[in-house]
PDB file of N, CA and C in Angstrom:
ATOM      1  N   MET A   1     -27.330 -37.474 -21.506  1.00  0.00           N
ATOM      2  CA  MET A   1     -28.010 -36.215 -21.763  1.00  0.00           C
ATOM      3  C   MET A   1     -27.672 -35.243 -20.644  1.00  0.00           C
ATOM      4  N   THR A   2     -27.253 -34.046 -21.011  1.00  0.00           N
ATOM      5  CA  THR A   2     -26.938 -33.041 -20.000  1.00  0.00           C
ATOM      6  C   THR A   2     -28.221 -32.450 -19.444  1.00  0.00           C
ATOM      7  N   THR A   3     -28.124 -31.851 -18.277  1.00  0.00           N
ATOM      8  CA  THR A   3     -29.286 -31.228 -17.668  1.00  0.00           C
ATOM      9  C   THR A   3     -29.669 -29.982 -18.461  1.00  0.00           C
ATOM     10  N   LEU A   4     -30.924 -29.919 -18.842  1.00  0.00           N
ATOM     11  CA  LEU A   4     -31.420 -28.806 -19.636  1.00  0.00           C
ATOM     12  C   LEU A   4     -32.230 -27.853 -18.771  1.00  0.00           C
ATOM     13  N   SER A   5     -32.224 -26.582 -19.140  1.00  0.00           N
ATOM     14  CA  SER A   5     -33.097 -25.615 -18.474  1.00  0.00           C
ATOM     15  C   SER A   5     -34.532 -25.909 -18.919  1.00  0.00           C
ATOM     16  N   PRO A   6     -35.519 -25.411 -18.203  1.00  0.00           N
ATOM     17  CA  PRO A   6     -36.909 -25.656 -18.617  1.00  0.00           C
ATOM     18  C   PRO A   6     -37.205 -25.215 -20.049  1.00  0.00           C
ATOM     19  N   SER A   7     -36.659 -24.092 -20.484  1.00  0.00           N
ATOM     20  CA  SER A   7     -36.921 -23.643 -21.857  1.00  0.00           C
ATOM     21  C   SER A   7     -36.211 -24.533 -22.874  1.00  0.00           C
ATOM     22  N   GLU A   8     -34.995 -24.964 -22.561  1.00  0.00           N
ATOM     23  CA  GLU A   8     -34.274 -25.885 -23.451  1.00  0.00           C
ATOM     24  C   GLU A   8     -34.986 -27.232 -23.520  1.00  0.00           C
ATOM     25  N   ARG A   9     -35.498 -27.676 -22.388  1.00  0.00           N
ATOM     26  CA  ARG A   9     -36.218 -28.944 -22.327  1.00  0.00           C
ATOM     27  C   ARG A   9     -37.467 -28.889 -23.206  1.00  0.00           C
ATOM     28  N   ALA A  10     -38.195 -27.795 -23.146  1.00  0.00           N
ATOM     29  CA  ALA A  10     -39.408 -27.643 -23.957  1.00  0.00           C
ATOM     30  C   ALA A  10     -39.070 -27.694 -25.449  1.00  0.00           C
ATOM     31  N   ILE A  11     -37.985 -27.037 -25.832  1.00  0.00           N
ATOM     32  CA  ILE A  11     -37.548 -27.054 -27.233  1.00  0.00           C
ATOM     33  C   ILE A  11     -37.132 -28.466 -27.630  1.00  0.00           C
ATOM     34  N   TYR A  12     -36.383 -29.139 -26.769  1.00  0.00           N
ATOM     35  CA  TYR A  12     -35.936 -30.510 -27.033  1.00  0.00           C
ATOM     36  C   TYR A  12     -37.140 -31.428 -27.250  1.00  0.00           C
ATOM     37  N   ILE A  13     -38.140 -31.325 -26.388  1.00  0.00           N
ATOM     38  CA  ILE A  13     -39.322 -32.177 -26.492  1.00  0.00           C
ATOM     39  C   ILE A  13     -40.067 -31.883 -27.794  1.00  0.00           C
ATOM     40  N   LYS A  14     -40.275 -30.619 -28.091  1.00  0.00           N
ATOM     41  CA  LYS A  14     -41.008 -30.244 -29.311  1.00  0.00           C
ATOM     42  C   LYS A  14     -40.279 -30.753 -30.556  1.00  0.00           C
ATOM     43  N   LEU A  15     -38.960 -30.570 -30.615  1.00  0.00           N
ATOM     44  CA  LEU A  15     -38.192 -31.052 -31.760  1.00  0.00           C
ATOM     45  C   LEU A  15     -38.207 -32.577 -31.844  1.00  0.00           C
ATOM     46  N   SER A  16     -38.147 -33.236 -30.708  1.00  0.00           N
ATOM     47  CA  SER A  16     -38.209 -34.701 -30.689  1.00  0.00           C
ATOM     48  C   SER A  16     -39.551 -35.194 -31.221  1.00  0.00           C
ATOM     49  N   PHE A  17     -40.622 -34.501 -30.876  1.00  0.00           N
ATOM     50  CA  PHE A  17     -41.946 -34.857 -31.402  1.00  0.00           C
ATOM     51  C   PHE A  17     -41.941 -34.703 -32.923  1.00  0.00           C
ATOM     52  N   LYS A  18     -41.409 -33.582 -33.416  1.00  0.00           N
ATOM     53  CA  LYS A  18     -41.383 -33.341 -34.866  1.00  0.00           C
ATOM     54  C   LYS A  18     -40.569 -34.409 -35.589  1.00  0.00           C
ATOM     55  N   LEU A  19     -39.432 -34.783 -35.015  1.00  0.00           N
ATOM     56  CA  LEU A  19     -38.602 -35.821 -35.634  1.00  0.00           C
ATOM     57  C   LEU A  19     -39.326 -37.158 -35.707  1.00  0.00           C
ATOM     58  N   ARG A  20     -40.274 -37.365 -34.825  1.00  0.00           N
ATOM     59  CA  ARG A  20     -41.034 -38.607 -34.797  1.00  0.00           C
ATOM     60  C   ARG A  20     -42.392 -38.458 -35.495  1.00  0.00           C
ATOM     61  N   ASN A  21     -42.527 -37.357 -36.241  1.00  0.00           N
ATOM     62  CA  ASN A  21     -43.752 -37.075 -37.006  1.00  0.00           C
ATOM     63  C   ASN A  21     -45.014 -37.120 -36.150  1.00  0.00           C
ATOM     64  N   THR A  22     -44.929 -36.523 -34.979  1.00  0.00           N
ATOM     65  CA  THR A  22     -46.101 -36.428 -34.123  1.00  0.00           C
ATOM     66  C   THR A  22     -46.189 -35.002 -33.578  1.00  0.00           C
ATOM     67  N   SER A  23     -47.216 -34.739 -32.832  1.00  0.00           N
ATOM     68  CA  SER A  23     -47.433 -33.392 -32.287  1.00  0.00           C
ATOM     69  C   SER A  23     -48.128 -33.516 -30.934  1.00  0.00           C
ATOM     70  N   TYR A  24     -48.185 -32.405 -30.226  1.00  0.00           N
ATOM     71  CA  TYR A  24     -48.899 -32.402 -28.949  1.00  0.00           C
ATOM     72  C   TYR A  24     -50.367 -32.781 -29.178  1.00  0.00           C
ATOM     73  N   SER A  25     -50.958 -32.251 -30.246  1.00  0.00           N
ATOM     74  CA  SER A  25     -52.368 -32.545 -30.533  1.00  0.00           C
ATOM     75  C   SER A  25     -52.588 -34.015 -30.825  1.00  0.00           C
ATOM     76  N   ALA A  26     -51.704 -34.618 -31.619  1.00  0.00           N
ATOM     77  CA  ALA A  26     -51.847 -36.041 -31.948  1.00  0.00           C
ATOM     78  C   ALA A  26     -51.730 -36.901 -30.698  1.00  0.00           C
ATOM     79  N   VAL A  27     -50.778 -36.594 -29.855  1.00  0.00           N
ATOM     80  CA  VAL A  27     -50.597 -37.351 -28.609  1.00  0.00           C
ATOM     81  C   VAL A  27     -51.813 -37.154 -27.709  1.00  0.00           C
ATOM     82  N   ALA A  28     -52.294 -35.931 -27.629  1.00  0.00           N
ATOM     83  CA  ALA A  28     -53.466 -35.652 -26.802  1.00  0.00           C
ATOM     84  C   ALA A  28     -54.673 -36.468 -27.270  1.00  0.00           C
ATOM     85  N   ARG A  29     -54.900 -36.520 -28.579  1.00  0.00           N
ATOM     86  CA  ARG A  29     -56.016 -37.311 -29.113  1.00  0.00           C
ATOM     87  C   ARG A  29     -55.860 -38.791 -28.758  1.00  0.00           C
ATOM     88  N   GLN A  30     -54.655 -39.318 -28.933  1.00  0.00           N
ATOM     89  CA  GLN A  30     -54.416 -40.739 -28.644  1.00  0.00           C
ATOM     90  C   GLN A  30     -54.622 -41.068 -27.174  1.00  0.00           C
ATOM     91  N   GLU A  31     -54.276 -40.135 -26.308  1.00  0.00           N
ATOM     92  CA  GLU A  31     -54.313 -40.388 -24.866  1.00  0.00           C
ATOM     93  C   GLU A  31     -55.549 -39.831 -24.176  1.00  0.00           C
ATOM     94  N   GLY A  32     -56.440 -39.186 -24.944  1.00  0.00           N
ATOM     95  CA  GLY A  32     -57.657 -38.628 -24.360  1.00  0.00           C
ATOM     96  C   GLY A  32     -57.408 -37.413 -23.488  1.00  0.00           C
ATOM     97  N   LEU A  33     -56.466 -36.586 -23.915  1.00  0.00           N
ATOM     98  CA  LEU A  33     -56.094 -35.383 -23.167  1.00  0.00           C
ATOM     99  C   LEU A  33     -56.345 -34.136 -24.007  1.00  0.00           C
ATOM    100  N   ALA A  34     -56.333 -33.000 -23.356  1.00  0.00           N
ATOM    101  CA  ALA A  34     -56.386 -31.729 -24.080  1.00  0.00           C
ATOM    102  C   ALA A  34     -54.990 -31.414 -24.609  1.00  0.00           C
ATOM    103  N   PRO A  35     -54.885 -30.919 -25.847  1.00  0.00           N
ATOM    104  CA  PRO A  35     -53.566 -30.557 -26.384  1.00  0.00           C
ATOM    105  C   PRO A  35     -52.829 -29.551 -25.504  1.00  0.00           C
ATOM    106  N   THR A  36     -53.573 -28.664 -24.865  1.00  0.00           N
ATOM    107  CA  THR A  36     -52.930 -27.672 -24.002  1.00  0.00           C
ATOM    108  C   THR A  36     -52.275 -28.325 -22.787  1.00  0.00           C
ATOM    109  N   THR A  37     -52.827 -29.447 -22.342  1.00  0.00           N
ATOM    110  CA  THR A  37     -52.234 -30.164 -21.206  1.00  0.00           C
ATOM    111  C   THR A  37     -50.869 -30.720 -21.579  1.00  0.00           C
ATOM    112  N   VAL A  38     -50.787 -31.358 -22.737  1.00  0.00           N
ATOM    113  CA  VAL A  38     -49.511 -31.924 -23.184  1.00  0.00           C
ATOM    114  C   VAL A  38     -48.483 -30.801 -23.361  1.00  0.00           C
ATOM    115  N   ALA A  39     -48.894 -29.708 -23.986  1.00  0.00           N
ATOM    116  CA  ALA A  39     -47.984 -28.579 -24.204  1.00  0.00           C
ATOM    117  C   ALA A  39     -47.534 -27.966 -22.881  1.00  0.00           C
ATOM    118  N   ALA A  40     -48.452 -27.816 -21.939  1.00  0.00           N
ATOM    119  CA  ALA A  40     -48.109 -27.210 -20.647  1.00  0.00           C
ATOM    120  C   ALA A  40     -47.134 -28.084 -19.864  1.00  0.00           C
ATOM    121  N   VAL A  41     -47.311 -29.396 -19.919  1.00  0.00           N
ATOM    122  CA  VAL A  41     -46.389 -30.296 -19.228  1.00  0.00           C
ATOM    123  C   VAL A  41     -45.020 -30.235 -19.911  1.00  0.00           C
ATOM    124  N   ALA A  42     -45.002 -30.215 -21.238  1.00  0.00           N
ATOM    125  CA  ALA A  42     -43.732 -30.129 -21.969  1.00  0.00           C
ATOM    126  C   ALA A  42     -42.994 -28.834 -21.629  1.00  0.00           C
ATOM    127  N   ARG A  43     -43.734 -27.734 -21.460  1.00  0.00           N
ATOM    128  CA  ARG A  43     -43.123 -26.446 -21.099  1.00  0.00           C
ATOM    129  C   ARG A  43     -42.721 -26.384 -19.632  1.00  0.00           C
ATOM    130  N   GLY A  44     -43.299 -27.271 -18.834  1.00  0.00           N
ATOM    131  CA  GLY A  44     -42.984 -27.283 -17.410  1.00  0.00           C
ATOM    132  C   GLY A  44     -43.857 -26.384 -16.567  1.00  0.00           C
ATOM    133  N   THR A  45     -44.916 -25.832 -17.154  1.00  0.00           N
ATOM    134  CA  THR A  45     -45.797 -24.950 -16.385  1.00  0.00           C
ATOM    135  C   THR A  45     -46.841 -25.732 -15.597  1.00  0.00           C
ATOM    136  N   VAL A  46     -47.061 -26.997 -15.989  1.00  0.00           N
ATOM    137  CA  VAL A  46     -47.995 -27.880 -15.299  1.00  0.00           C
ATOM    138  C   VAL A  46     -47.280 -29.204 -15.082  1.00  0.00           C
ATOM    139  N   ARG A  47     -47.562 -29.845 -13.969  1.00  0.00           N
ATOM    140  CA  ARG A  47     -46.955 -31.139 -13.695  1.00  0.00           C
ATOM    141  C   ARG A  47     -48.015 -32.224 -13.715  1.00  0.00           C
ATOM    142  N   SER A  48     -47.744 -33.283 -14.466  1.00  0.00           N
ATOM    143  CA  SER A  48     -48.605 -34.458 -14.516  1.00  0.00           C
ATOM    144  C   SER A  48     -47.700 -35.658 -14.732  1.00  0.00           C
ATOM    145  N   GLU A  49     -47.632 -36.521 -13.737  1.00  0.00           N
ATOM    146  CA  GLU A  49     -46.770 -37.695 -13.853  1.00  0.00           C
ATOM    147  C   GLU A  49     -47.178 -38.538 -15.063  1.00  0.00           C
ATOM    148  N   ARG A  50     -48.476 -38.691 -15.260  1.00  0.00           N
ATOM    149  CA  ARG A  50     -48.963 -39.476 -16.403  1.00  0.00           C
ATOM    150  C   ARG A  50     -48.458 -38.892 -17.724  1.00  0.00           C
ATOM    151  N   VAL A  51     -48.615 -37.597 -17.913  1.00  0.00           N
ATOM    152  CA  VAL A  51     -48.223 -36.959 -19.175  1.00  0.00           C
ATOM    153  C   VAL A  51     -46.699 -36.926 -19.307  1.00  0.00           C
ATOM    154  N   GLU A  52     -45.988 -36.707 -18.211  1.00  0.00           N
ATOM    155  CA  GLU A  52     -44.519 -36.739 -18.263  1.00  0.00           C
ATOM    156  C   GLU A  52     -44.030 -38.104 -18.731  1.00  0.00           C
ATOM    157  N   ARG A  53     -44.668 -39.167 -18.262  1.00  0.00           N
ATOM    158  CA  ARG A  53     -44.267 -40.518 -18.673  1.00  0.00           C
ATOM    159  C   ARG A  53     -44.612 -40.776 -20.145  1.00  0.00           C
ATOM    160  N   ILE A  54     -45.738 -40.259 -20.600  1.00  0.00           N
ATOM    161  CA  ILE A  54     -46.112 -40.382 -22.013  1.00  0.00           C
ATOM    162  C   ILE A  54     -45.080 -39.663 -22.883  1.00  0.00           C
ATOM    163  N   ILE A  55     -44.734 -38.437 -22.502  1.00  0.00           N
ATOM    164  CA  ILE A  55     -43.743 -37.659 -23.252  1.00  0.00           C
ATOM    165  C   ILE A  55     -42.404 -38.384 -23.257  1.00  0.00           C
ATOM    166  N   SER A  56     -41.976 -38.868 -22.114  1.00  0.00           N
ATOM    167  CA  SER A  56     -40.672 -39.536 -22.043  1.00  0.00           C
ATOM    168  C   SER A  56     -40.646 -40.802 -22.901  1.00  0.00           C
ATOM    169  N   ARG A  57     -41.751 -41.506 -22.978  1.00  0.00           N
ATOM    170  CA  ARG A  57     -41.821 -42.699 -23.833  1.00  0.00           C
ATOM    171  C   ARG A  57     -41.673 -42.300 -25.303  1.00  0.00           C
ATOM    172  N   ILE A  58     -42.337 -41.233 -25.706  1.00  0.00           N
ATOM    173  CA  ILE A  58     -42.294 -40.795 -27.098  1.00  0.00           C
ATOM    174  C   ILE A  58     -40.894 -40.327 -27.501  1.00  0.00           C
ATOM    175  N   VAL A  59     -40.239 -39.571 -26.631  1.00  0.00           N
ATOM    176  CA  VAL A  59     -38.906 -39.048 -26.981  1.00  0.00           C
ATOM    177  C   VAL A  59     -37.785 -40.026 -26.622  1.00  0.00           C
ATOM    178  N   GLU A  60     -38.174 -41.198 -26.122  1.00  0.00           N
ATOM    179  CA  GLU A  60     -37.232 -42.271 -25.803  1.00  0.00           C
ATOM    180  C   GLU A  60     -36.165 -41.853 -24.792  1.00  0.00           C
ATOM    181  N   ARG A  61     -36.617 -41.185 -23.761  1.00  0.00           N
ATOM    182  CA  ARG A  61     -35.782 -40.800 -22.620  1.00  0.00           C
ATOM    183  C   ARG A  61     -36.533 -41.153 -21.354  1.00  0.00           C
ATOM    184  N   SER A  62     -35.813 -41.449 -20.302  1.00  0.00           N
ATOM    185  CA  SER A  62     -36.491 -41.739 -19.041  1.00  0.00           C
ATOM    186  C   SER A  62     -37.015 -40.436 -18.439  1.00  0.00           C
ATOM    187  N   PRO A  63     -38.045 -40.522 -17.599  1.00  0.00           N
ATOM    188  CA  PRO A  63     -38.520 -39.313 -16.933  1.00  0.00           C
ATOM    189  C   PRO A  63     -37.402 -38.620 -16.152  1.00  0.00           C
ATOM    190  N   ASN A  64     -36.508 -39.417 -15.564  1.00  0.00           N
ATOM    191  CA  ASN A  64     -35.389 -38.850 -14.810  1.00  0.00           C
ATOM    192  C   ASN A  64     -34.460 -38.038 -15.699  1.00  0.00           C
ATOM    193  N   GLU A  65     -34.276 -38.444 -16.944  1.00  0.00           N
ATOM    194  CA  GLU A  65     -33.421 -37.693 -17.866  1.00  0.00           C
ATOM    195  C   GLU A  65     -34.053 -36.362 -18.260  1.00  0.00           C
ATOM    196  N   LEU A  66     -35.365 -36.364 -18.454  1.00  0.00           N
ATOM    197  CA  LEU A  66     -36.045 -35.130 -18.865  1.00  0.00           C
ATOM    198  C   LEU A  66     -36.332 -34.196 -17.694  1.00  0.00           C
ATOM    199  N   TRP A  67     -36.714 -34.764 -16.558  1.00  0.00           N
ATOM    200  CA  TRP A  67     -37.073 -33.969 -15.384  1.00  0.00           C
ATOM    201  C   TRP A  67     -36.293 -34.468 -14.167  1.00  0.00           C
ATOM    202  N   PRO A  68     -34.983 -34.270 -14.133  1.00  0.00           N
ATOM    203  CA  PRO A  68     -34.186 -34.807 -13.013  1.00  0.00           C
ATOM    204  C   PRO A  68     -34.584 -34.218 -11.658  1.00  0.00           C
ATOM    205  N   GLU A  69     -35.168 -33.044 -11.664  1.00  0.00           N
ATOM    206  CA  GLU A  69     -35.602 -32.435 -10.409  1.00  0.00           C
ATOM    207  C   GLU A  69     -36.906 -33.051  -9.906  1.00  0.00           C
ATOM    208  N   ARG A  70     -37.579 -33.847 -10.724  1.00  0.00           N
ATOM    209  CA  ARG A  70     -38.871 -34.426 -10.360  1.00  0.00           C
ATOM    210  C   ARG A  70     -38.847 -35.935 -10.130  1.00  0.00           C
ATOM    211  N   TYR A  71     -37.810 -36.610 -10.640  1.00  0.00           N
ATOM    212  CA  TYR A  71     -37.745 -38.065 -10.539  1.00  0.00           C
ATOM    213  C   TYR A  71     -36.404 -38.496  -9.982  1.00  0.00           C
ATOM    214  N   ASP A  72     -36.427 -39.545  -9.134  1.00  0.00           N
ATOM    215  CA  ASP A  72     -35.165 -40.076  -8.633  1.00  0.00           C
ATOM    216  C   ASP A  72     -34.557 -41.027  -9.659  1.00  0.00           C
ATOM    217  N   ASP A  73     -33.422 -41.616  -9.338  1.00  0.00           N
ATOM    218  CA  ASP A  73     -32.723 -42.488 -10.263  1.00  0.00           C
ATOM    219  C   ASP A  73     -33.511 -43.746 -10.632  1.00  0.00           C
ATOM    220  N   LYS A  74     -34.466 -44.120  -9.791  1.00  0.00           N
ATOM    221  CA  LYS A  74     -35.281 -45.308 -10.071  1.00  0.00           C
ATOM    222  C   LYS A  74     -36.590 -44.930 -10.766  1.00  0.00           C
ATOM    223  N   GLU A  75     -36.665 -43.688 -11.243  1.00  0.00           N
ATOM    224  CA  GLU A  75     -37.827 -43.148 -11.978  1.00  0.00           C
ATOM    225  C   GLU A  75     -39.084 -43.045 -11.129  1.00  0.00           C
ATOM    226  N   ASN A  76     -38.906 -42.916  -9.815  1.00  0.00           N
ATOM    227  CA  ASN A  76     -40.030 -42.668  -8.920  1.00  0.00           C
ATOM    228  C   ASN A  76     -40.222 -41.161  -8.821  1.00  0.00           C
ATOM    229  N   ALA A  77     -41.469 -40.726  -8.934  1.00  0.00           N
ATOM    230  CA  ALA A  77     -41.753 -39.304  -8.812  1.00  0.00           C
ATOM    231  C   ALA A  77     -41.449 -38.847  -7.394  1.00  0.00           C
ATOM    232  N   MET A  78     -40.803 -37.708  -7.296  1.00  0.00           N
ATOM    233  CA  MET A  78     -40.522 -37.125  -5.986  1.00  0.00           C
ATOM    234  C   MET A  78     -41.565 -36.058  -5.702  1.00  0.00           C
ATOM    235  N   VAL A  79     -41.855 -35.838  -4.457  1.00  0.00           N
ATOM    236  CA  VAL A  79     -42.851 -34.848  -4.079  1.00  0.00           C
ATOM    237  C   VAL A  79     -42.328 -33.457  -4.239  1.00  0.00           C
TER     238      VAL A  79
END
C-alpha cells in the first residue's frame, strides 16, 4: 500500500467500511464509542490508538500501513 495523504486515507477507510457492509456508527455501537469518535479518527482529526487499531482490523491493514507517521514497523505507537 502506498502512503496516502490524510484525505485519501479517510476516503480509503470509508470505502473499505462500505465494502465490508459496515459503518462508523455500527462499529461505534459494537465498541461502545461515539460515532463521531470513529469518524474523527478515520479523518485524522483525532488520535486514539484503540480506535486506530479497531479501524485497521476492520480494513485488514496494519496500523503502520494506515498511519505510517504514527506507528513504527513493529506496530508500536510512536509519540
